[in-house]
Protein backbone atom coordinates (compact mmCIF):
# COMPACT_ATOMS: atom_id res chain seq x y z
CA UNK A 1 -26.76 1.46 -18.98
CA UNK A 2 -23.15 2.40 -18.28
CA UNK A 3 -21.90 2.95 -14.76
CA UNK A 4 -21.10 6.61 -14.10
CA UNK A 5 -17.52 5.36 -13.62
CA UNK A 6 -17.29 2.94 -16.56
CA UNK A 7 -13.79 4.21 -17.41
CA UNK A 8 -12.50 3.37 -13.92
CA UNK A 9 -11.76 -0.27 -13.11
CA UNK A 10 -10.26 -2.17 -10.22
CA UNK A 11 -8.52 -5.45 -11.01
CA UNK A 12 -6.47 -7.33 -8.40
CA UNK A 13 -4.02 -8.24 -11.18
CA UNK A 14 -3.32 -4.56 -12.02
CA UNK A 15 -1.56 -2.36 -9.45
CA UNK A 16 -2.83 -4.55 -6.63
CA UNK A 17 -6.44 -3.64 -7.33
CA UNK A 18 -6.07 0.15 -7.14
CA UNK A 19 -8.75 1.92 -9.19
CA UNK A 20 -7.25 2.75 -12.61
CA UNK A 21 -8.34 4.19 -15.92
CA UNK A 22 -9.59 1.28 -18.04
CA UNK A 23 -6.92 -0.19 -20.32
CA UNK A 24 -4.06 1.57 -18.52
CA UNK A 25 -1.96 1.27 -15.41
CA UNK A 26 -2.69 4.88 -14.52
CA UNK A 27 -4.35 4.96 -11.12
CA UNK A 28 -6.94 7.41 -9.86
CA UNK A 29 -4.49 8.12 -7.04
CA UNK A 30 -1.76 9.09 -9.53
CA UNK A 31 -4.09 11.45 -11.38
CA UNK A 32 -5.07 13.10 -8.09
CA UNK A 33 -1.40 13.52 -7.20
CA UNK A 34 -0.72 15.15 -10.57
CA UNK A 35 -3.58 17.59 -10.09
CA UNK A 36 -2.57 18.31 -6.49
CA UNK A 37 0.90 19.17 -7.84
CA UNK A 38 -0.62 21.77 -10.14
CA UNK A 39 -1.20 19.83 -13.37
CA UNK A 40 -4.34 20.73 -15.27
CA UNK A 41 -6.57 18.31 -17.11
CA UNK A 42 -5.06 19.59 -20.37
CA UNK A 43 -1.52 19.02 -19.02
CA UNK A 44 -2.35 15.43 -18.12
CA UNK A 45 -3.98 14.63 -21.47
CA UNK A 46 -1.03 16.20 -23.28
CA UNK A 47 1.51 14.21 -21.21
CA UNK A 48 -0.48 10.95 -21.42
CA UNK A 49 -2.10 11.07 -24.89
CA UNK A 50 -3.78 7.68 -24.44
CA UNK A 51 -5.97 9.34 -21.77
CA UNK A 52 -8.96 11.49 -22.63
CA UNK A 53 -10.38 14.47 -20.79
CA UNK A 54 -13.32 12.23 -19.85
CA UNK A 55 -10.92 9.71 -18.26
CA UNK A 56 -9.53 12.43 -16.00
CA UNK A 57 -12.99 13.79 -15.19
CA UNK A 58 -14.29 10.35 -14.26
CA UNK A 59 -11.25 9.69 -12.07
CA UNK A 60 -11.95 12.91 -10.15
CA UNK A 61 -15.67 12.15 -9.83
CA UNK A 62 -14.84 8.59 -8.71
CA UNK A 63 -12.49 9.85 -5.99
CA UNK A 64 -14.97 12.48 -4.81
CA UNK A 65 -17.77 9.91 -4.65
CA UNK A 66 -15.82 7.46 -2.53
CA UNK A 67 -14.34 10.09 -0.26
CA UNK A 68 -17.81 11.51 0.35
CA UNK A 69 -18.89 8.10 1.61
CA UNK A 70 -15.83 7.60 3.77
CA UNK A 71 -16.49 6.60 7.37
CA UNK A 72 -13.87 7.63 9.88
CA UNK A 73 -13.48 5.61 13.03
CA UNK A 74 -11.45 7.02 15.88
CA UNK A 75 -10.14 5.09 18.82
CA UNK A 76 -9.19 6.46 22.19
CA UNK A 77 -5.83 5.13 23.30
CA UNK A 78 -5.47 4.74 27.03
CA UNK A 79 -2.00 5.52 28.43
């Protein structure tokens, strides 16, 4: 059975281990930045034709999954 994120890989030899679309050096972070800047999924696939719509969708789902499980730790700094 495939992982729900089988198109997303993390390799210490590629971009310092940032999660990327398999077979590319396009990081999940970069795709999020593009979308935050107003690019649509269609814009991204058109600009980067070696990506598929499913690559972009999985990158978004991957980011949402890991952000949902984020644990924030706050520290009180004494003056």
